Amino acid sequence: MIEIPALRGVATRLSAGQSVRVVNTFGQQVVDTWAFAAADLSEFMSMEHTRIFIGRIIPQIGDPLVTNHRRPILTLTEDTSGGIHDTLVAACDRWRYELLGAVGYHDNCTDNLAAALGALALVPPETPSPLNLFMNIPVVDGNRIAVLPPVSTPGSYVTLRAELDCIVAFSACPQDMVPINGAAMKPTAAHYEILG
């Protein structure tokens, strides 16, 4: 198992047919997740395109996650976490924390993506809206969103199969100002492993 350190991001390469299992080690940690086509980083997993492709806002087992070119890049093949994930909310960034009242620099998923890809000598063309694994952002009253703690439990996991050669990146979300990472609002590490 490879650690996704608390507050930080990591990236790895996957070949088509390989899978990656993302483990919520301590149970309440959101993991922002991105995938970029290895042949062209300007093609990437897109939540906007995925929602219309699968016809729902939360992917289920068997659902493909598609790119901005509407091609499957990952498929959700296993989920022991309770099945609650988010496809609506952008990655946190310096401006999000400033709006929440943070003073000075605050770790954030946007910078974590850049650092994770930078470790592979890659530069993201932009910060796509991520698949926020384990994040609990229900739509209420048909039009409003709520921010609730994850329903995932320690050791629960999601497995994603690569449909294209790709680079996947993960950020153990640093959010500690609203209960995205649980009522304690204390970010923790998560882990991943490559299968196949």
N, C-alpha and C. Protein backbone atom coordinates (compact mmCIF):
# COMPACT_ATOMS: atom_id res chain seq x y z
N MET A 1 0.84 -1.19 0.00
CA MET A 1 0.00 0.00 0.00
C MET A 1 0.88 1.25 0.00
N ILE A 2 0.49 2.22 -0.78
CA ILE A 2 1.24 3.47 -0.89
C ILE A 2 0.44 4.57 -0.21
N GLU A 3 1.11 5.35 0.61
CA GLU A 3 0.42 6.39 1.37
C GLU A 3 0.11 7.61 0.51
N ILE A 4 -1.08 8.13 0.70
CA ILE A 4 -1.44 9.48 0.26
C ILE A 4 -1.37 10.30 1.55
N PRO A 5 -0.28 11.00 1.80
CA PRO A 5 -0.12 11.66 3.10
C PRO A 5 -1.21 12.68 3.37
N ALA A 6 -1.57 12.82 4.62
CA ALA A 6 -2.54 13.85 5.00
C ALA A 6 -2.10 15.20 4.44
N LEU A 7 -3.04 15.93 3.85
CA LEU A 7 -2.83 17.28 3.32
C LEU A 7 -2.07 17.31 1.99
N ARG A 8 -1.68 16.15 1.44
CA ARG A 8 -0.80 16.11 0.28
C ARG A 8 -1.41 15.34 -0.88
N GLY A 9 -0.71 15.40 -2.03
CA GLY A 9 -1.15 14.70 -3.21
C GLY A 9 -0.07 13.80 -3.76
N VAL A 10 -0.48 12.77 -4.49
CA VAL A 10 0.44 11.86 -5.16
C VAL A 10 -0.16 11.50 -6.52
N ALA A 11 0.69 11.06 -7.43
CA ALA A 11 0.21 10.64 -8.74
C ALA A 11 0.98 9.39 -9.17
N THR A 12 0.35 8.60 -10.03
CA THR A 12 0.96 7.39 -10.54
C THR A 12 0.45 7.11 -11.94
N ARG A 13 1.16 6.28 -12.67
CA ARG A 13 0.74 5.90 -14.01
C ARG A 13 0.01 4.56 -13.94
N LEU A 14 -1.04 4.43 -14.76
CA LEU A 14 -1.77 3.18 -14.91
C LEU A 14 -1.82 2.82 -16.38
N SER A 15 -1.63 1.54 -16.67
CA SER A 15 -1.84 1.04 -18.02
C SER A 15 -3.28 0.58 -18.15
N ALA A 16 -3.83 0.65 -19.36
CA ALA A 16 -5.18 0.16 -19.59
C ALA A 16 -5.28 -1.27 -19.09
N GLY A 17 -6.33 -1.53 -18.31
CA GLY A 17 -6.55 -2.85 -17.74
C GLY A 17 -6.09 -2.98 -16.31
N GLN A 18 -5.17 -2.13 -15.87
CA GLN A 18 -4.78 -2.13 -14.46
C GLN A 18 -5.87 -1.44 -13.64
N SER A 19 -5.89 -1.76 -12.35
CA SER A 19 -6.82 -1.10 -11.44
C SER A 19 -6.06 -0.46 -10.29
N VAL A 20 -6.69 0.53 -9.69
CA VAL A 20 -6.14 1.15 -8.49
C VAL A 20 -7.22 1.11 -7.42
N ARG A 21 -6.83 0.65 -6.24
CA ARG A 21 -7.74 0.62 -5.10
C ARG A 21 -7.37 1.76 -4.16
N VAL A 22 -8.35 2.60 -3.84
CA VAL A 22 -8.14 3.74 -2.96
C VAL A 22 -8.81 3.42 -1.63
N VAL A 23 -8.01 3.39 -0.56
CA VAL A 23 -8.47 2.94 0.74
C VAL A 23 -8.63 4.14 1.68
N ASN A 24 -9.82 4.23 2.28
CA ASN A 24 -10.06 5.27 3.28
C ASN A 24 -9.58 4.72 4.62
N THR A 25 -8.31 4.81 4.85
CA THR A 25 -7.63 4.12 5.94
C THR A 25 -8.28 4.38 7.29
N PHE A 26 -8.58 5.64 7.58
CA PHE A 26 -9.13 5.98 8.89
C PHE A 26 -10.63 6.27 8.84
N GLY A 27 -11.20 6.23 7.63
CA GLY A 27 -12.65 6.22 7.50
C GLY A 27 -13.33 7.51 7.11
N GLN A 28 -12.73 8.65 7.36
CA GLN A 28 -13.44 9.92 7.13
C GLN A 28 -12.72 10.86 6.18
N GLN A 29 -11.73 10.36 5.45
CA GLN A 29 -10.91 11.24 4.61
C GLN A 29 -11.41 11.28 3.17
N VAL A 30 -11.68 12.46 2.69
CA VAL A 30 -12.01 12.65 1.28
C VAL A 30 -10.73 12.59 0.45
N VAL A 31 -10.82 11.93 -0.71
CA VAL A 31 -9.67 11.83 -1.62
C VAL A 31 -10.10 12.38 -2.98
N ASP A 32 -9.65 13.60 -3.28
CA ASP A 32 -9.89 14.16 -4.62
C ASP A 32 -9.11 13.32 -5.61
N THR A 33 -9.77 12.97 -6.73
CA THR A 33 -9.19 12.03 -7.69
C THR A 33 -9.32 12.57 -9.10
N TRP A 34 -8.20 12.53 -9.83
CA TRP A 34 -8.16 12.97 -11.22
C TRP A 34 -7.55 11.87 -12.08
N ALA A 35 -7.85 11.89 -13.37
CA ALA A 35 -7.20 11.00 -14.33
C ALA A 35 -6.97 11.77 -15.62
N PHE A 36 -5.78 11.64 -16.18
CA PHE A 36 -5.39 12.30 -17.42
C PHE A 36 -4.93 11.23 -18.41
N ALA A 37 -5.33 11.36 -19.66
CA ALA A 37 -4.86 10.43 -20.69
C ALA A 37 -3.34 10.58 -20.82
N ALA A 38 -2.64 9.45 -20.77
CA ALA A 38 -1.18 9.50 -20.82
C ALA A 38 -0.67 10.10 -22.12
N ALA A 39 -1.41 9.89 -23.21
CA ALA A 39 -0.97 10.37 -24.52
C ALA A 39 -1.18 11.86 -24.71
N ASP A 40 -2.06 12.45 -23.91
CA ASP A 40 -2.41 13.87 -24.10
C ASP A 40 -3.10 14.37 -22.85
N LEU A 41 -2.38 15.12 -22.02
CA LEU A 41 -2.94 15.56 -20.74
C LEU A 41 -4.14 16.50 -20.90
N SER A 42 -4.32 17.03 -22.11
CA SER A 42 -5.50 17.90 -22.30
C SER A 42 -6.79 17.09 -22.37
N GLU A 43 -6.68 15.76 -22.42
CA GLU A 43 -7.85 14.89 -22.29
C GLU A 43 -7.83 14.33 -20.87
N PHE A 44 -8.87 14.60 -20.12
CA PHE A 44 -8.88 14.22 -18.71
C PHE A 44 -10.29 13.83 -18.26
N MET A 45 -10.35 13.07 -17.17
CA MET A 45 -11.63 12.68 -16.59
C MET A 45 -12.43 13.93 -16.25
N SER A 46 -13.67 13.97 -16.72
CA SER A 46 -14.50 15.15 -16.56
C SER A 46 -15.80 14.79 -15.85
N MET A 47 -16.04 15.43 -14.73
CA MET A 47 -17.29 15.19 -14.01
C MET A 47 -18.49 15.71 -14.79
N GLU A 48 -18.33 16.84 -15.48
CA GLU A 48 -19.45 17.38 -16.27
C GLU A 48 -19.89 16.39 -17.34
N HIS A 49 -18.91 15.78 -18.02
CA HIS A 49 -19.22 14.84 -19.08
C HIS A 49 -19.70 13.49 -18.51
N THR A 50 -19.15 13.11 -17.36
CA THR A 50 -19.54 11.84 -16.75
C THR A 50 -20.98 11.86 -16.27
N ARG A 51 -21.41 12.96 -15.66
CA ARG A 51 -22.78 13.00 -15.13
C ARG A 51 -23.82 12.74 -16.21
N ILE A 52 -23.66 13.34 -17.37
CA ILE A 52 -24.65 13.12 -18.43
C ILE A 52 -24.46 11.73 -19.04
N PHE A 53 -23.23 11.23 -19.08
CA PHE A 53 -22.96 9.91 -19.66
C PHE A 53 -23.62 8.81 -18.85
N ILE A 54 -23.54 8.91 -17.50
CA ILE A 54 -24.11 7.85 -16.64
C ILE A 54 -25.52 8.17 -16.18
N GLY A 55 -25.96 9.42 -16.35
CA GLY A 55 -27.33 9.79 -16.00
C GLY A 55 -27.57 9.95 -14.52
N ARG A 56 -26.53 10.20 -13.74
CA ARG A 56 -26.69 10.43 -12.30
C ARG A 56 -25.51 11.25 -11.79
N ILE A 57 -25.62 11.72 -10.55
CA ILE A 57 -24.55 12.56 -10.01
C ILE A 57 -23.57 11.80 -9.14
N ILE A 58 -23.90 10.57 -8.76
CA ILE A 58 -22.98 9.73 -7.98
C ILE A 58 -22.76 8.43 -8.76
N PRO A 59 -21.53 8.15 -9.18
CA PRO A 59 -21.30 6.91 -9.92
C PRO A 59 -21.51 5.69 -9.05
N GLN A 60 -21.96 4.62 -9.69
CA GLN A 60 -22.18 3.34 -9.03
C GLN A 60 -21.26 2.29 -9.64
N ILE A 61 -21.17 1.13 -8.99
CA ILE A 61 -20.34 0.04 -9.50
C ILE A 61 -20.75 -0.27 -10.94
N GLY A 62 -19.75 -0.35 -11.80
CA GLY A 62 -19.99 -0.61 -13.22
C GLY A 62 -20.03 0.63 -14.07
N ASP A 63 -20.13 1.80 -13.45
CA ASP A 63 -20.21 3.03 -14.23
C ASP A 63 -18.85 3.45 -14.76
N PRO A 64 -18.80 3.85 -16.06
CA PRO A 64 -17.58 4.44 -16.59
C PRO A 64 -17.49 5.91 -16.20
N LEU A 65 -16.29 6.37 -16.02
CA LEU A 65 -16.00 7.79 -15.79
C LEU A 65 -15.32 8.27 -17.06
N VAL A 66 -15.89 9.27 -17.70
CA VAL A 66 -15.45 9.61 -19.05
C VAL A 66 -14.67 10.92 -19.07
N THR A 67 -13.95 11.10 -20.18
CA THR A 67 -13.12 12.29 -20.35
C THR A 67 -13.92 13.42 -20.99
N ASN A 68 -13.24 14.55 -21.11
CA ASN A 68 -13.81 15.69 -21.84
C ASN A 68 -13.93 15.41 -23.32
N HIS A 69 -13.41 14.26 -23.79
CA HIS A 69 -13.64 13.78 -25.16
C HIS A 69 -14.70 12.67 -25.16
N ARG A 70 -15.34 12.46 -24.01
CA ARG A 70 -16.45 11.51 -23.82
C ARG A 70 -16.02 10.06 -24.03
N ARG A 71 -14.76 9.77 -23.69
CA ARG A 71 -14.27 8.39 -23.73
C ARG A 71 -14.08 7.88 -22.31
N PRO A 72 -14.48 6.63 -22.02
CA PRO A 72 -14.19 6.09 -20.68
C PRO A 72 -12.69 6.08 -20.41
N ILE A 73 -12.32 6.56 -19.24
CA ILE A 73 -10.92 6.53 -18.82
C ILE A 73 -10.74 5.66 -17.59
N LEU A 74 -11.72 5.65 -16.68
CA LEU A 74 -11.75 4.77 -15.51
C LEU A 74 -13.14 4.17 -15.41
N THR A 75 -13.24 3.00 -14.78
CA THR A 75 -14.53 2.40 -14.46
C THR A 75 -14.53 2.04 -12.98
N LEU A 76 -15.60 2.39 -12.29
CA LEU A 76 -15.76 2.04 -10.88
C LEU A 76 -16.15 0.56 -10.80
N THR A 77 -15.28 -0.27 -10.25
CA THR A 77 -15.54 -1.71 -10.23
C THR A 77 -15.85 -2.27 -8.85
N GLU A 78 -15.42 -1.59 -7.79
CA GLU A 78 -15.72 -2.03 -6.42
C GLU A 78 -15.93 -0.81 -5.55
N ASP A 79 -16.80 -0.97 -4.54
CA ASP A 79 -17.03 0.14 -3.60
C ASP A 79 -17.58 -0.44 -2.31
N THR A 80 -16.77 -0.42 -1.26
CA THR A 80 -17.22 -0.90 0.06
C THR A 80 -17.47 0.26 1.02
N SER A 81 -17.49 1.48 0.49
CA SER A 81 -17.49 2.67 1.35
C SER A 81 -18.87 3.21 1.68
N GLY A 82 -19.91 2.60 1.15
CA GLY A 82 -21.26 3.15 1.33
C GLY A 82 -21.79 3.83 0.09
N GLY A 83 -20.95 3.98 -0.92
CA GLY A 83 -21.41 4.46 -2.22
C GLY A 83 -21.69 5.94 -2.32
N ILE A 84 -21.20 6.74 -1.37
CA ILE A 84 -21.43 8.18 -1.41
C ILE A 84 -20.14 8.89 -1.79
N HIS A 85 -20.18 9.52 -2.97
CA HIS A 85 -19.05 10.29 -3.50
C HIS A 85 -19.62 11.56 -4.12
N ASP A 86 -18.74 12.49 -4.47
CA ASP A 86 -19.21 13.77 -5.01
C ASP A 86 -18.62 14.04 -6.39
N THR A 87 -19.48 14.51 -7.29
CA THR A 87 -19.04 14.94 -8.62
C THR A 87 -19.37 16.40 -8.89
N LEU A 88 -19.82 17.12 -7.87
CA LEU A 88 -20.31 18.49 -8.07
C LEU A 88 -19.32 19.58 -7.68
N VAL A 89 -18.50 19.32 -6.69
CA VAL A 89 -17.71 20.39 -6.05
C VAL A 89 -16.30 20.45 -6.62
N ALA A 90 -15.86 21.65 -6.94
CA ALA A 90 -14.50 21.88 -7.44
C ALA A 90 -13.48 21.58 -6.35
N ALA A 91 -12.26 21.30 -6.77
CA ALA A 91 -11.16 21.11 -5.82
C ALA A 91 -10.97 22.38 -5.00
N CYS A 92 -10.64 22.19 -3.73
CA CYS A 92 -10.37 23.36 -2.90
C CYS A 92 -9.11 24.05 -3.40
N ASP A 93 -9.03 25.35 -3.14
CA ASP A 93 -7.90 26.16 -3.59
C ASP A 93 -7.71 27.32 -2.61
N ARG A 94 -6.70 28.12 -2.86
CA ARG A 94 -6.39 29.21 -1.92
C ARG A 94 -7.57 30.15 -1.73
N TRP A 95 -8.35 30.36 -2.80
CA TRP A 95 -9.46 31.30 -2.71
C TRP A 95 -10.61 30.74 -1.87
N ARG A 96 -10.82 29.43 -1.94
CA ARG A 96 -11.84 28.79 -1.10
C ARG A 96 -11.52 29.01 0.37
N TYR A 97 -10.25 28.82 0.74
CA TYR A 97 -9.88 28.98 2.15
C TYR A 97 -9.91 30.44 2.57
N GLU A 98 -9.56 31.34 1.68
CA GLU A 98 -9.67 32.77 2.01
C GLU A 98 -11.12 33.14 2.29
N LEU A 99 -12.05 32.61 1.46
CA LEU A 99 -13.47 32.89 1.68
C LEU A 99 -13.97 32.31 3.00
N LEU A 100 -13.35 31.21 3.44
CA LEU A 100 -13.72 30.60 4.72
C LEU A 100 -13.04 31.27 5.91
N GLY A 101 -12.14 32.22 5.64
CA GLY A 101 -11.51 32.97 6.73
C GLY A 101 -10.08 32.57 7.05
N ALA A 102 -9.48 31.69 6.28
CA ALA A 102 -8.10 31.30 6.53
C ALA A 102 -7.18 32.49 6.30
N VAL A 103 -6.18 32.62 7.15
CA VAL A 103 -5.20 33.69 7.04
C VAL A 103 -3.88 33.06 6.62
N GLY A 104 -3.27 33.57 5.57
CA GLY A 104 -2.03 33.00 5.09
C GLY A 104 -2.27 31.76 4.25
N TYR A 105 -1.18 31.10 3.89
CA TYR A 105 -1.29 29.94 3.01
C TYR A 105 -2.01 28.78 3.70
N HIS A 106 -2.87 28.10 2.96
CA HIS A 106 -3.53 26.89 3.45
C HIS A 106 -3.32 25.81 2.40
N ASP A 107 -2.86 24.63 2.82
CA ASP A 107 -2.75 23.51 1.88
C ASP A 107 -4.07 23.33 1.16
N ASN A 108 -4.02 22.91 -0.12
CA ASN A 108 -5.25 22.75 -0.88
C ASN A 108 -5.06 21.74 -2.00
N CYS A 109 -6.19 21.20 -2.47
CA CYS A 109 -6.14 20.13 -3.47
C CYS A 109 -5.63 20.61 -4.83
N THR A 110 -5.90 21.85 -5.19
CA THR A 110 -5.41 22.37 -6.46
C THR A 110 -3.89 22.37 -6.49
N ASP A 111 -3.26 22.87 -5.44
CA ASP A 111 -1.80 22.84 -5.37
C ASP A 111 -1.28 21.41 -5.24
N ASN A 112 -2.03 20.55 -4.55
CA ASN A 112 -1.60 19.15 -4.41
C ASN A 112 -1.57 18.45 -5.76
N LEU A 113 -2.55 18.74 -6.63
CA LEU A 113 -2.55 18.15 -7.97
C LEU A 113 -1.30 18.61 -8.73
N ALA A 114 -1.02 19.90 -8.70
CA ALA A 114 0.15 20.42 -9.41
C ALA A 114 1.44 19.79 -8.89
N ALA A 115 1.55 19.64 -7.57
CA ALA A 115 2.76 19.04 -6.99
C ALA A 115 2.87 17.57 -7.34
N ALA A 116 1.75 16.85 -7.32
CA ALA A 116 1.77 15.41 -7.62
C ALA A 116 2.20 15.17 -9.06
N LEU A 117 1.64 15.93 -9.99
CA LEU A 117 2.05 15.77 -11.38
C LEU A 117 3.47 16.29 -11.60
N GLY A 118 3.83 17.34 -10.89
CA GLY A 118 5.19 17.86 -10.98
C GLY A 118 6.23 16.83 -10.60
N ALA A 119 5.89 15.96 -9.64
CA ALA A 119 6.82 14.90 -9.24
C ALA A 119 7.06 13.90 -10.37
N LEU A 120 6.15 13.86 -11.35
CA LEU A 120 6.32 13.03 -12.54
C LEU A 120 6.80 13.85 -13.73
N ALA A 121 7.23 15.09 -13.47
CA ALA A 121 7.69 16.01 -14.52
C ALA A 121 6.57 16.35 -15.50
N LEU A 122 5.35 16.45 -14.98
CA LEU A 122 4.19 16.79 -15.79
C LEU A 122 3.53 18.05 -15.24
N VAL A 123 2.82 18.76 -16.12
CA VAL A 123 2.11 19.97 -15.72
C VAL A 123 0.65 19.82 -16.14
N PRO A 124 -0.30 19.92 -15.20
CA PRO A 124 -1.70 19.81 -15.61
C PRO A 124 -2.10 20.99 -16.48
N PRO A 125 -2.90 20.75 -17.53
CA PRO A 125 -3.32 21.85 -18.39
C PRO A 125 -4.27 22.79 -17.68
N GLU A 126 -4.96 22.27 -16.66
CA GLU A 126 -5.87 23.03 -15.81
C GLU A 126 -6.15 22.14 -14.60
N THR A 127 -6.97 22.62 -13.68
CA THR A 127 -7.39 21.78 -12.56
C THR A 127 -8.82 21.33 -12.84
N PRO A 128 -8.99 20.14 -13.43
CA PRO A 128 -10.36 19.69 -13.68
C PRO A 128 -11.12 19.49 -12.36
N SER A 129 -12.42 19.56 -12.43
CA SER A 129 -13.23 19.23 -11.27
C SER A 129 -13.02 17.76 -10.96
N PRO A 130 -12.64 17.40 -9.73
CA PRO A 130 -12.28 16.03 -9.42
C PRO A 130 -13.49 15.15 -9.10
N LEU A 131 -13.24 13.84 -9.15
CA LEU A 131 -14.13 12.89 -8.49
C LEU A 131 -13.72 12.90 -7.03
N ASN A 132 -14.59 13.40 -6.18
CA ASN A 132 -14.29 13.52 -4.75
C ASN A 132 -14.72 12.24 -4.05
N LEU A 133 -13.80 11.27 -4.01
CA LEU A 133 -14.13 10.00 -3.38
C LEU A 133 -14.42 10.21 -1.90
N PHE A 134 -15.50 9.58 -1.45
CA PHE A 134 -15.94 9.56 -0.06
C PHE A 134 -16.58 10.87 0.41
N MET A 135 -16.62 11.89 -0.43
CA MET A 135 -17.21 13.17 -0.02
C MET A 135 -18.73 13.08 -0.06
N ASN A 136 -19.37 13.63 0.98
CA ASN A 136 -20.82 13.54 1.15
C ASN A 136 -21.43 14.92 0.97
N ILE A 137 -21.87 15.20 -0.26
CA ILE A 137 -22.46 16.49 -0.61
C ILE A 137 -23.86 16.24 -1.19
N PRO A 138 -24.85 15.95 -0.34
CA PRO A 138 -26.18 15.63 -0.88
C PRO A 138 -26.88 16.87 -1.44
N VAL A 139 -27.70 16.63 -2.44
CA VAL A 139 -28.60 17.66 -2.95
C VAL A 139 -29.88 17.58 -2.11
N VAL A 140 -30.26 18.69 -1.51
CA VAL A 140 -31.46 18.72 -0.66
C VAL A 140 -32.48 19.68 -1.25
N ASP A 141 -33.73 19.38 -1.04
CA ASP A 141 -34.84 20.20 -1.56
C ASP A 141 -34.75 20.38 -3.07
N GLY A 142 -34.06 19.47 -3.76
CA GLY A 142 -33.99 19.52 -5.20
C GLY A 142 -33.10 20.59 -5.78
N ASN A 143 -32.52 21.46 -4.91
CA ASN A 143 -31.78 22.58 -5.48
C ASN A 143 -30.60 23.07 -4.63
N ARG A 144 -30.49 22.63 -3.39
CA ARG A 144 -29.40 23.11 -2.53
C ARG A 144 -28.47 21.94 -2.22
N ILE A 145 -27.21 22.26 -1.92
CA ILE A 145 -26.28 21.21 -1.50
C ILE A 145 -25.92 21.42 -0.04
N ALA A 146 -25.69 20.29 0.64
CA ALA A 146 -25.26 20.30 2.03
C ALA A 146 -23.85 19.75 2.10
N VAL A 147 -23.13 20.08 3.17
CA VAL A 147 -21.79 19.56 3.42
C VAL A 147 -21.87 18.70 4.67
N LEU A 148 -21.76 17.37 4.48
CA LEU A 148 -21.89 16.44 5.59
C LEU A 148 -20.64 15.56 5.70
N PRO A 149 -20.39 14.99 6.88
CA PRO A 149 -19.26 14.08 7.01
C PRO A 149 -19.42 12.85 6.12
N PRO A 150 -18.33 12.22 5.72
CA PRO A 150 -18.42 11.00 4.93
C PRO A 150 -19.15 9.89 5.67
N VAL A 151 -19.74 8.97 4.89
CA VAL A 151 -20.37 7.79 5.48
C VAL A 151 -19.41 6.61 5.46
N SER A 152 -18.25 6.76 4.85
CA SER A 152 -17.27 5.68 4.74
C SER A 152 -16.73 5.30 6.12
N THR A 153 -16.22 4.08 6.21
CA THR A 153 -15.70 3.54 7.46
C THR A 153 -14.22 3.18 7.30
N PRO A 154 -13.49 3.04 8.41
CA PRO A 154 -12.06 2.73 8.31
C PRO A 154 -11.81 1.46 7.49
N GLY A 155 -10.89 1.58 6.53
CA GLY A 155 -10.53 0.44 5.70
C GLY A 155 -11.42 0.23 4.49
N SER A 156 -12.50 1.00 4.37
CA SER A 156 -13.35 0.85 3.18
C SER A 156 -12.60 1.40 1.97
N TYR A 157 -13.04 0.94 0.78
CA TYR A 157 -12.26 1.30 -0.40
C TYR A 157 -13.12 1.36 -1.66
N VAL A 158 -12.51 1.97 -2.67
CA VAL A 158 -13.07 2.04 -4.02
C VAL A 158 -12.00 1.51 -4.97
N THR A 159 -12.40 0.72 -5.96
CA THR A 159 -11.47 0.25 -6.97
C THR A 159 -11.88 0.82 -8.33
N LEU A 160 -10.91 1.36 -9.04
CA LEU A 160 -11.11 1.97 -10.34
C LEU A 160 -10.23 1.27 -11.36
N ARG A 161 -10.82 0.84 -12.48
CA ARG A 161 -10.07 0.18 -13.54
C ARG A 161 -9.76 1.16 -14.66
N ALA A 162 -8.52 1.19 -15.10
CA ALA A 162 -8.11 2.08 -16.20
C ALA A 162 -8.59 1.53 -17.52
N GLU A 163 -9.27 2.36 -18.28
CA GLU A 163 -9.71 1.98 -19.63
C GLU A 163 -8.76 2.52 -20.69
N LEU A 164 -7.93 3.48 -20.31
CA LEU A 164 -6.89 4.05 -21.17
C LEU A 164 -5.60 4.07 -20.37
N ASP A 165 -4.46 4.08 -21.04
CA ASP A 165 -3.22 4.41 -20.34
C ASP A 165 -3.40 5.82 -19.78
N CYS A 166 -3.15 5.97 -18.49
CA CYS A 166 -3.46 7.27 -17.88
C CYS A 166 -2.56 7.54 -16.69
N ILE A 167 -2.63 8.78 -16.26
CA ILE A 167 -2.01 9.20 -15.01
C ILE A 167 -3.13 9.52 -14.06
N VAL A 168 -3.13 8.89 -12.90
CA VAL A 168 -4.13 9.21 -11.88
C VAL A 168 -3.44 9.98 -10.76
N ALA A 169 -4.16 10.94 -10.21
CA ALA A 169 -3.64 11.75 -9.11
C ALA A 169 -4.66 11.77 -7.99
N PHE A 170 -4.15 11.78 -6.76
CA PHE A 170 -4.99 11.78 -5.57
C PHE A 170 -4.53 12.88 -4.62
N SER A 171 -5.47 13.50 -3.95
CA SER A 171 -5.15 14.45 -2.89
C SER A 171 -5.96 14.09 -1.65
N ALA A 172 -5.26 13.86 -0.54
CA ALA A 172 -5.93 13.70 0.75
C ALA A 172 -6.36 15.10 1.17
N CYS A 173 -7.62 15.42 0.93
CA CYS A 173 -8.10 16.81 1.03
C CYS A 173 -7.73 17.45 2.36
N PRO A 174 -7.14 18.66 2.31
CA PRO A 174 -6.72 19.35 3.53
C PRO A 174 -7.84 20.10 4.27
N GLN A 175 -9.08 19.94 3.82
CA GLN A 175 -10.17 20.75 4.39
C GLN A 175 -10.33 20.50 5.89
N ASP A 176 -10.13 21.58 6.68
CA ASP A 176 -10.27 21.49 8.13
C ASP A 176 -11.13 22.62 8.69
N MET A 177 -11.92 23.25 7.80
CA MET A 177 -12.75 24.38 8.23
C MET A 177 -14.24 24.10 8.12
N VAL A 178 -14.61 23.05 7.41
CA VAL A 178 -15.98 22.53 7.35
C VAL A 178 -15.86 21.01 7.44
N PRO A 179 -16.95 20.29 7.81
CA PRO A 179 -16.82 18.86 8.14
C PRO A 179 -16.74 17.91 6.94
N ILE A 180 -16.07 18.32 5.87
CA ILE A 180 -15.91 17.44 4.71
C ILE A 180 -15.14 16.18 5.09
N ASN A 181 -14.15 16.31 5.97
CA ASN A 181 -13.35 15.16 6.41
C ASN A 181 -13.79 14.67 7.78
N GLY A 182 -15.09 14.75 8.04
CA GLY A 182 -15.63 14.27 9.31
C GLY A 182 -15.87 15.40 10.30
N ALA A 183 -16.67 15.10 11.30
CA ALA A 183 -17.05 16.12 12.29
C ALA A 183 -15.84 16.66 13.05
N ALA A 184 -14.78 15.86 13.18
CA ALA A 184 -13.58 16.32 13.89
C ALA A 184 -12.79 17.33 13.06
N MET A 185 -13.07 17.40 11.74
CA MET A 185 -12.40 18.33 10.83
C MET A 185 -10.87 18.20 10.92
N LYS A 186 -10.42 16.94 10.95
CA LYS A 186 -8.97 16.66 11.03
C LYS A 186 -8.57 15.76 9.87
N PRO A 187 -7.95 16.32 8.83
CA PRO A 187 -7.52 15.50 7.70
C PRO A 187 -6.54 14.41 8.11
N THR A 188 -6.64 13.26 7.45
CA THR A 188 -5.77 12.13 7.73
C THR A 188 -5.20 11.58 6.41
N ALA A 189 -4.31 10.64 6.52
CA ALA A 189 -3.77 9.97 5.35
C ALA A 189 -4.80 9.00 4.78
N ALA A 190 -4.60 8.63 3.53
CA ALA A 190 -5.30 7.53 2.88
C ALA A 190 -4.22 6.69 2.18
N HIS A 191 -4.63 5.62 1.53
CA HIS A 191 -3.66 4.76 0.84
C HIS A 191 -4.21 4.29 -0.49
N TYR A 192 -3.31 3.88 -1.37
CA TYR A 192 -3.75 3.25 -2.61
C TYR A 192 -2.81 2.10 -2.97
N GLU A 193 -3.33 1.19 -3.79
CA GLU A 193 -2.50 0.12 -4.33
C GLU A 193 -2.91 -0.15 -5.75
N ILE A 194 -1.94 -0.51 -6.57
CA ILE A 194 -2.20 -0.84 -7.97
C ILE A 194 -2.38 -2.35 -8.09
N LEU A 195 -3.45 -2.74 -8.77
CA LEU A 195 -3.80 -4.15 -8.94
C LEU A 195 -3.66 -4.53 -10.41
N GLY A 196 -3.04 -5.65 -10.67
CA GLY A 196 -2.93 -6.14 -12.05
C GLY A 196 -1.82 -5.49 -12.83
